[in-house]
Amino acid sequence: MNDSVRIHPTAIIEQDVRIGDNTSVWDGVHIRRGAVIGHDCILGEKTYVAADVRIGNLCKINANVYICVGVTVHDGVMIAAHTVFSNDLLPRATDPDLLSLRSSAADQATLLTTVGRGATIGANCTISPGIELGEFCMIGMGSVVTRSVPKHALVFGNPARLRGLVCACGKVVMRAGKDGLVPTGPHSCECGRIVN
């Protein structure tokens, strides 16, 4: 870390964490060992980043976000407040005989989740384990995402369903029909970009 990294005095940064230039880590943030945070990022207050998590460059992670082991966040991602990722296929506190606590370390039941570049996740979302959120997709606030989301897809609800397509600029370029389908083919945005 260098002088361009801003870390609030109440943040907890464990050993072997790498934080890129011009990144801000706000109050009460906890970043576990081995995590890598890119340059020009913001980690909002009371956010938790688990061990070995990878976060790309130019990411905005708002307050009270929980990013567990096995999550990779690519460049330019926005994760709004109170979003929770999960990673455990077999979530139990103890062994089957209730004799001892299960370890919190990653194991064969830990599933990997990827957030594609430019994606946006709205406030209060829950992201299920083992899925991929495609490039420039947009997850509406309060959604429960239980399966992978294609690039440029607009999804929301519980469970989240396809509702349309969004441009890299964030504008909706096509709404899903009553059948829940979006017509295929290129769609143009008023900003001049083409969405496929």
C-alpha atoms as a PDB file:
ATOM      1  CA  MET A   1       0.000   0.000   0.000  1.00  0.00           C
ATOM      2  CA  ASN A   2       1.151   3.540  -0.636  1.00  0.00           C
ATOM      3  CA  ASP A   3       0.216   7.037   0.485  1.00  0.00           C
ATOM      4  CA  SER A   4      -2.605   7.342  -2.054  1.00  0.00           C
ATOM      5  CA  VAL A   5      -4.612   4.611  -0.262  1.00  0.00           C
ATOM      6  CA  ARG A   6      -6.989   6.078   2.339  1.00  0.00           C
ATOM      7  CA  ILE A   7      -7.812   3.782   5.254  1.00  0.00           C
ATOM      8  CA  HIS A   8     -10.051   4.909   8.107  1.00  0.00           C
ATOM      9  CA  PRO A   9      -8.414   4.316  11.521  1.00  0.00           C
ATOM     10  CA  THR A  10     -11.244   1.954  12.572  1.00  0.00           C
ATOM     11  CA  ALA A  11     -10.845  -0.333   9.530  1.00  0.00           C
ATOM     12  CA  ILE A  12      -9.304  -3.779  10.099  1.00  0.00           C
ATOM     13  CA  ILE A  13      -6.875  -4.833   7.378  1.00  0.00           C
ATOM     14  CA  GLU A  14      -5.383  -8.303   7.957  1.00  0.00           C
ATOM     15  CA  GLN A  15      -2.029  -9.630   6.736  1.00  0.00           C
ATOM     16  CA  ASP A  16      -1.209 -10.118   3.073  1.00  0.00           C
ATOM     17  CA  VAL A  17      -3.959  -7.799   1.836  1.00  0.00           C
ATOM     18  CA  ARG A  18      -3.180  -5.804  -1.320  1.00  0.00           C
ATOM     19  CA  ILE A  19      -4.985  -2.522  -1.947  1.00  0.00           C
ATOM     20  CA  GLY A  20      -4.483  -0.539  -5.163  1.00  0.00           C
ATOM     21  CA  ASP A  21      -3.695   3.146  -5.557  1.00  0.00           C
ATOM     22  CA  ASN A  22      -6.340   5.771  -4.769  1.00  0.00           C
ATOM     23  CA  THR A  23      -8.654   3.316  -3.020  1.00  0.00           C
ATOM     24  CA  SER A  24     -10.654   4.442   0.042  1.00  0.00           C
ATOM     25  CA  VAL A  25     -11.524   2.069   2.882  1.00  0.00           C
ATOM     26  CA  TRP A  26     -14.069   3.608   5.261  1.00  0.00           C
ATOM     27  CA  ASP A  27     -14.899   3.117   8.933  1.00  0.00           C
ATOM     28  CA  GLY A  28     -15.477  -0.332  10.333  1.00  0.00           C
ATOM     29  CA  VAL A  29     -14.491  -2.148   7.130  1.00  0.00           C
ATOM     30  CA  HIS A  30     -12.892  -5.566   7.695  1.00  0.00           C
ATOM     31  CA  ILE A  31     -10.682  -7.005   4.937  1.00  0.00           C
ATOM     32  CA  ARG A  32      -9.435 -10.541   5.609  1.00  0.00           C
ATOM     33  CA  ARG A  33      -6.033 -12.043   4.795  1.00  0.00           C
ATOM     34  CA  GLY A  34      -5.038 -12.490   1.174  1.00  0.00           C
ATOM     35  CA  ALA A  35      -7.757 -10.281  -0.292  1.00  0.00           C
ATOM     36  CA  VAL A  36      -6.848  -8.132  -3.289  1.00  0.00           C
ATOM     37  CA  ILE A  37      -8.588  -4.797  -3.908  1.00  0.00           C
ATOM     38  CA  GLY A  38      -7.918  -2.891  -7.138  1.00  0.00           C
ATOM     39  CA  HIS A  39      -7.122   0.769  -7.708  1.00  0.00           C
ATOM     40  CA  ASP A  40      -9.599   3.674  -7.440  1.00  0.00           C
ATOM     41  CA  CYS A  41     -12.161   1.697  -5.409  1.00  0.00           C
ATOM     42  CA  ILE A  42     -14.414   2.714  -2.528  1.00  0.00           C
ATOM     43  CA  LEU A  43     -15.295   0.280   0.262  1.00  0.00           C
ATOM     44  CA  GLY A  44     -18.134   1.750   2.320  1.00  0.00           C
ATOM     45  CA  GLU A  45     -18.438   1.636   6.075  1.00  0.00           C
ATOM     46  CA  LYS A  46     -18.874  -1.689   7.849  1.00  0.00           C
ATOM     47  CA  THR A  47     -18.309  -3.754   4.709  1.00  0.00           C
ATOM     48  CA  TYR A  48     -16.778  -7.214   5.126  1.00  0.00           C
ATOM     49  CA  VAL A  49     -14.418  -8.723   2.533  1.00  0.00           C
ATOM     50  CA  ALA A  50     -13.508 -12.364   3.225  1.00  0.00           C
ATOM     51  CA  ALA A  51     -10.129 -14.037   2.824  1.00  0.00           C
ATOM     52  CA  ASP A  52      -8.718 -14.288  -0.702  1.00  0.00           C
ATOM     53  CA  VAL A  53     -11.587 -12.346  -2.324  1.00  0.00           C
ATOM     54  CA  ARG A  54     -10.608 -10.507  -5.508  1.00  0.00           C
ATOM     55  CA  ILE A  55     -12.090  -7.082  -6.270  1.00  0.00           C
ATOM     56  CA  GLY A  56     -11.167  -5.341  -9.515  1.00  0.00           C
ATOM     57  CA  ASN A  57     -10.399  -1.708 -10.286  1.00  0.00           C
ATOM     58  CA  LEU A  58     -12.875   1.200 -10.199  1.00  0.00           C
ATOM     59  CA  CYS A  59     -15.405  -0.606  -7.992  1.00  0.00           C
ATOM     60  CA  LYS A  60     -17.904   1.056  -5.633  1.00  0.00           C
ATOM     61  CA  ILE A  61     -18.915  -1.112  -2.721  1.00  0.00           C
ATOM     62  CA  ASN A  62     -21.346   0.692  -0.436  1.00  0.00           C
ATOM     63  CA  ALA A  63     -21.997   0.308   3.304  1.00  0.00           C
ATOM     64  CA  ASN A  64     -22.659  -2.992   5.050  1.00  0.00           C
ATOM     65  CA  VAL A  65     -21.887  -5.263   2.095  1.00  0.00           C
ATOM     66  CA  TYR A  66     -20.905  -8.869   2.924  1.00  0.00           C
ATOM     67  CA  ILE A  67     -18.549 -10.470   0.382  1.00  0.00           C
ATOM     68  CA  CYS A  68     -17.735 -14.053   1.364  1.00  0.00           C
ATOM     69  CA  VAL A  69     -14.970 -16.472   0.378  1.00  0.00           C
ATOM     70  CA  GLY A  70     -15.150 -17.548  -3.256  1.00  0.00           C
ATOM     71  CA  VAL A  71     -16.432 -14.274  -4.717  1.00  0.00           C
ATOM     72  CA  THR A  72     -14.606 -12.494  -7.551  1.00  0.00           C
ATOM     73  CA  VAL A  73     -15.685  -8.965  -8.468  1.00  0.00           C
ATOM     74  CA  HIS A  74     -14.412  -7.652 -11.810  1.00  0.00           C
ATOM     75  CA  ASP A  75     -13.655  -4.041 -12.823  1.00  0.00           C
ATOM     76  CA  GLY A  76     -16.224  -1.265 -12.667  1.00  0.00           C
ATOM     77  CA  VAL A  77     -18.766  -3.030 -10.467  1.00  0.00           C
ATOM     78  CA  MET A  78     -21.265  -1.209  -8.228  1.00  0.00           C
ATOM     79  CA  ILE A  79     -22.547  -3.105  -5.177  1.00  0.00           C
ATOM     80  CA  ALA A  80     -25.132  -1.124  -3.214  1.00  0.00           C
ATOM     81  CA  ALA A  81     -25.655  -1.132   0.552  1.00  0.00           C
ATOM     82  CA  HIS A  82     -26.642  -4.234   2.512  1.00  0.00           C
ATOM     83  CA  THR A  83     -25.960  -6.707  -0.301  1.00  0.00           C
ATOM     84  CA  VAL A  84     -25.083 -10.199   0.922  1.00  0.00           C
ATOM     85  CA  PHE A  85     -23.254 -12.907  -1.017  1.00  0.00           C
ATOM     86  CA  SER A  86     -23.478 -16.537   0.078  1.00  0.00           C
ATOM     87  CA  ASN A  87     -21.168 -19.422  -0.769  1.00  0.00           C
ATOM     88  CA  ASP A  88     -22.168 -22.550   1.141  1.00  0.00           C
ATOM     89  CA  LEU A  89     -23.968 -25.378  -0.644  1.00  0.00           C
ATOM     90  CA  LEU A  90     -24.519 -27.249   2.652  1.00  0.00           C
ATOM     91  CA  PRO A  91     -25.059 -24.540   5.283  1.00  0.00           C
ATOM     92  CA  ARG A  92     -24.904 -26.246   8.666  1.00  0.00           C
ATOM     93  CA  ALA A  93     -23.390 -24.907  11.880  1.00  0.00           C
ATOM     94  CA  THR A  94     -22.225 -28.303  13.125  1.00  0.00           C
ATOM     95  CA  ASP A  95     -21.354 -31.810  12.041  1.00  0.00           C
ATOM     96  CA  PRO A  96     -24.421 -34.058  11.483  1.00  0.00           C
ATOM     97  CA  ASP A  97     -24.169 -35.463  15.040  1.00  0.00           C
ATOM     98  CA  LEU A  98     -24.144 -31.975  16.630  1.00  0.00           C
ATOM     99  CA  LEU A  99     -20.830 -32.730  18.358  1.00  0.00           C
ATOM    100  CA  SER A 100     -18.691 -29.893  17.001  1.00  0.00           C
ATOM    101  CA  LEU A 101     -18.898 -26.692  14.970  1.00  0.00           C
ATOM    102  CA  ARG A 102     -18.089 -26.875  11.277  1.00  0.00           C
ATOM    103  CA  SER A 103     -15.077 -24.879  10.211  1.00  0.00           C
ATOM    104  CA  SER A 104     -15.748 -21.563   8.500  1.00  0.00           C
ATOM    105  CA  ALA A 105     -12.888 -22.229   6.074  1.00  0.00           C
ATOM    106  CA  ALA A 106     -13.640 -22.951   2.430  1.00  0.00           C
ATOM    107  CA  ASP A 107     -14.223 -26.622   1.653  1.00  0.00           C
ATOM    108  CA  GLN A 108     -15.809 -28.833  -1.024  1.00  0.00           C
ATOM    109  CA  ALA A 109     -19.234 -27.281  -0.304  1.00  0.00           C
ATOM    110  CA  THR A 110     -17.961 -23.734  -1.002  1.00  0.00           C
ATOM    111  CA  LEU A 111     -19.211 -22.500  -4.366  1.00  0.00           C
ATOM    112  CA  LEU A 112     -17.596 -19.732  -6.423  1.00  0.00           C
ATOM    113  CA  THR A 113     -19.449 -16.618  -7.586  1.00  0.00           C
ATOM    114  CA  THR A 114     -18.312 -14.163 -10.258  1.00  0.00           C
ATOM    115  CA  VAL A 115     -19.553 -10.609 -10.788  1.00  0.00           C
ATOM    116  CA  GLY A 116     -18.791  -9.502 -14.351  1.00  0.00           C
ATOM    117  CA  ARG A 117     -17.272  -6.145 -15.204  1.00  0.00           C
ATOM    118  CA  GLY A 118     -19.570  -3.158 -15.141  1.00  0.00           C
ATOM    119  CA  ALA A 119     -22.367  -5.001 -13.298  1.00  0.00           C
ATOM    120  CA  THR A 120     -24.635  -3.202 -10.809  1.00  0.00           C
ATOM    121  CA  ILE A 121     -26.227  -4.853  -7.777  1.00  0.00           C
ATOM    122  CA  GLY A 122     -28.946  -2.801  -6.067  1.00  0.00           C
ATOM    123  CA  ALA A 123     -29.409  -2.294  -2.330  1.00  0.00           C
ATOM    124  CA  ASN A 124     -30.509  -5.158  -0.079  1.00  0.00           C
ATOM    125  CA  CYS A 125     -29.856  -7.947  -2.586  1.00  0.00           C
ATOM    126  CA  THR A 126     -29.035 -11.545  -1.743  1.00  0.00           C
ATOM    127  CA  ILE A 127     -26.768 -13.394  -4.172  1.00  0.00           C
ATOM    128  CA  SER A 128     -26.914 -17.209  -4.100  1.00  0.00           C
ATOM    129  CA  PRO A 129     -23.700 -19.241  -4.286  1.00  0.00           C
ATOM    130  CA  GLY A 130     -22.141 -20.634  -7.433  1.00  0.00           C
ATOM    131  CA  ILE A 131     -23.569 -18.228  -9.998  1.00  0.00           C
ATOM    132  CA  GLU A 132     -22.243 -15.723 -12.516  1.00  0.00           C
ATOM    133  CA  LEU A 133     -23.542 -12.185 -12.915  1.00  0.00           C
ATOM    134  CA  GLY A 134     -22.791 -11.165 -16.495  1.00  0.00           C
ATOM    135  CA  GLU A 135     -21.059  -8.030 -17.717  1.00  0.00           C
ATOM    136  CA  PHE A 136     -23.102  -4.831 -17.338  1.00  0.00           C
ATOM    137  CA  CYS A 137     -26.099  -6.678 -15.893  1.00  0.00           C
ATOM    138  CA  MET A 138     -28.295  -4.787 -13.441  1.00  0.00           C
ATOM    139  CA  ILE A 139     -29.861  -6.400 -10.371  1.00  0.00           C
ATOM    140  CA  GLY A 140     -32.810  -4.427  -8.978  1.00  0.00           C
ATOM    141  CA  MET A 141     -32.850  -3.536  -5.283  1.00  0.00           C
ATOM    142  CA  GLY A 142     -34.198  -6.118  -2.869  1.00  0.00           C
ATOM    143  CA  SER A 143     -33.720  -8.986  -5.322  1.00  0.00           C
ATOM    144  CA  VAL A 144     -32.888 -12.562  -4.425  1.00  0.00           C
ATOM    145  CA  VAL A 145     -30.678 -13.889  -7.224  1.00  0.00           C
ATOM    146  CA  THR A 146     -30.823 -17.693  -7.381  1.00  0.00           C
ATOM    147  CA  ARG A 147     -29.321 -18.350 -10.815  1.00  0.00           C
ATOM    148  CA  SER A 148     -26.797 -16.877 -13.222  1.00  0.00           C
ATOM    149  CA  VAL A 149     -27.661 -13.621 -14.979  1.00  0.00           C
ATOM    150  CA  PRO A 150     -26.709 -12.983 -18.641  1.00  0.00           C
ATOM    151  CA  LYS A 151     -24.691  -9.950 -19.681  1.00  0.00           C
ATOM    152  CA  HIS A 152     -26.726  -6.711 -19.996  1.00  0.00           C
ATOM    153  CA  ALA A 153     -29.751  -8.379 -18.346  1.00  0.00           C
ATOM    154  CA  LEU A 154     -32.041  -6.401 -16.084  1.00  0.00           C
ATOM    155  CA  VAL A 155     -33.363  -8.702 -13.347  1.00  0.00           C
ATOM    156  CA  PHE A 156     -35.333  -8.064 -10.185  1.00  0.00           C
ATOM    157  CA  GLY A 157     -37.724  -9.750  -7.792  1.00  0.00           C
ATOM    158  CA  ASN A 158     -37.756 -12.739  -5.450  1.00  0.00           C
ATOM    159  CA  PRO A 159     -36.585 -14.824  -7.117  1.00  0.00           C
ATOM    160  CA  ALA A 160     -35.018 -12.407  -9.611  1.00  0.00           C
ATOM    161  CA  ARG A 161     -36.369 -12.803 -13.134  1.00  0.00           C
ATOM    162  CA  LEU A 162     -35.389 -11.325 -16.493  1.00  0.00           C
ATOM    163  CA  ARG A 163     -37.212  -8.006 -16.974  1.00  0.00           C
ATOM    164  CA  GLY A 164     -35.248  -6.443 -19.837  1.00  0.00           C
ATOM    165  CA  LEU A 165     -31.849  -5.431 -21.185  1.00  0.00           C
ATOM    166  CA  VAL A 166     -29.675  -2.519 -20.069  1.00  0.00           C
ATOM    167  CA  CYS A 167     -26.915  -0.632 -21.834  1.00  0.00           C
ATOM    168  CA  ALA A 168     -23.454  -0.130 -20.356  1.00  0.00           C
ATOM    169  CA  CYS A 169     -24.623   3.429 -19.638  1.00  0.00           C
ATOM    170  CA  GLY A 170     -27.398   2.039 -17.398  1.00  0.00           C
ATOM    171  CA  LYS A 171     -30.449   2.854 -19.521  1.00  0.00           C
ATOM    172  CA  VAL A 172     -33.053   0.168 -20.215  1.00  0.00           C
ATOM    173  CA  VAL A 173     -33.002  -0.563 -23.974  1.00  0.00           C
ATOM    174  CA  MET A 174     -35.621  -3.331 -24.084  1.00  0.00           C
ATOM    175  CA  ARG A 175     -38.296  -4.593 -21.677  1.00  0.00           C
ATOM    176  CA  ALA A 176     -39.257  -8.251 -21.427  1.00  0.00           C
ATOM    177  CA  GLY A 177     -42.667  -9.188 -22.792  1.00  0.00           C
ATOM    178  CA  LYS A 178     -45.473 -10.720 -20.744  1.00  0.00           C
ATOM    179  CA  ASP A 179     -43.943 -14.100 -21.538  1.00  0.00           C
ATOM    180  CA  GLY A 180     -40.732 -12.987 -19.766  1.00  0.00           C
ATOM    181  CA  LEU A 181     -38.709 -13.078 -22.980  1.00  0.00           C
ATOM    182  CA  VAL A 182     -36.614 -10.343 -24.579  1.00  0.00           C
ATOM    183  CA  PRO A 183     -36.443 -10.291 -28.384  1.00  0.00           C
ATOM    184  CA  THR A 184     -33.026 -11.383 -29.645  1.00  0.00           C
ATOM    185  CA  GLY A 185     -30.787  -9.304 -31.842  1.00  0.00           C
ATOM    186  CA  PRO A 186     -28.938  -6.040 -31.403  1.00  0.00           C
ATOM    187  CA  HIS A 187     -30.747  -3.240 -29.571  1.00  0.00           C
ATOM    188  CA  SER A 188     -29.571   0.352 -29.814  1.00  0.00           C
ATOM    189  CA  CYS A 189     -29.435   2.764 -26.896  1.00  0.00           C
ATOM    190  CA  GLU A 190     -30.016   6.503 -27.160  1.00  0.00           C
ATOM    191  CA  CYS A 191     -26.375   6.920 -26.028  1.00  0.00           C
ATOM    192  CA  GLY A 192     -25.278   5.317 -29.314  1.00  0.00           C
ATOM    193  CA  ARG A 193     -24.133   1.959 -27.936  1.00  0.00           C
ATOM    194  CA  ILE A 194     -25.447  -1.345 -29.278  1.00  0.00           C
ATOM    195  CA  VAL A 195     -26.552  -4.038 -26.797  1.00  0.00           C
ATOM    196  CA  ASN A 196     -26.497  -7.697 -27.902  1.00  0.00           C
END
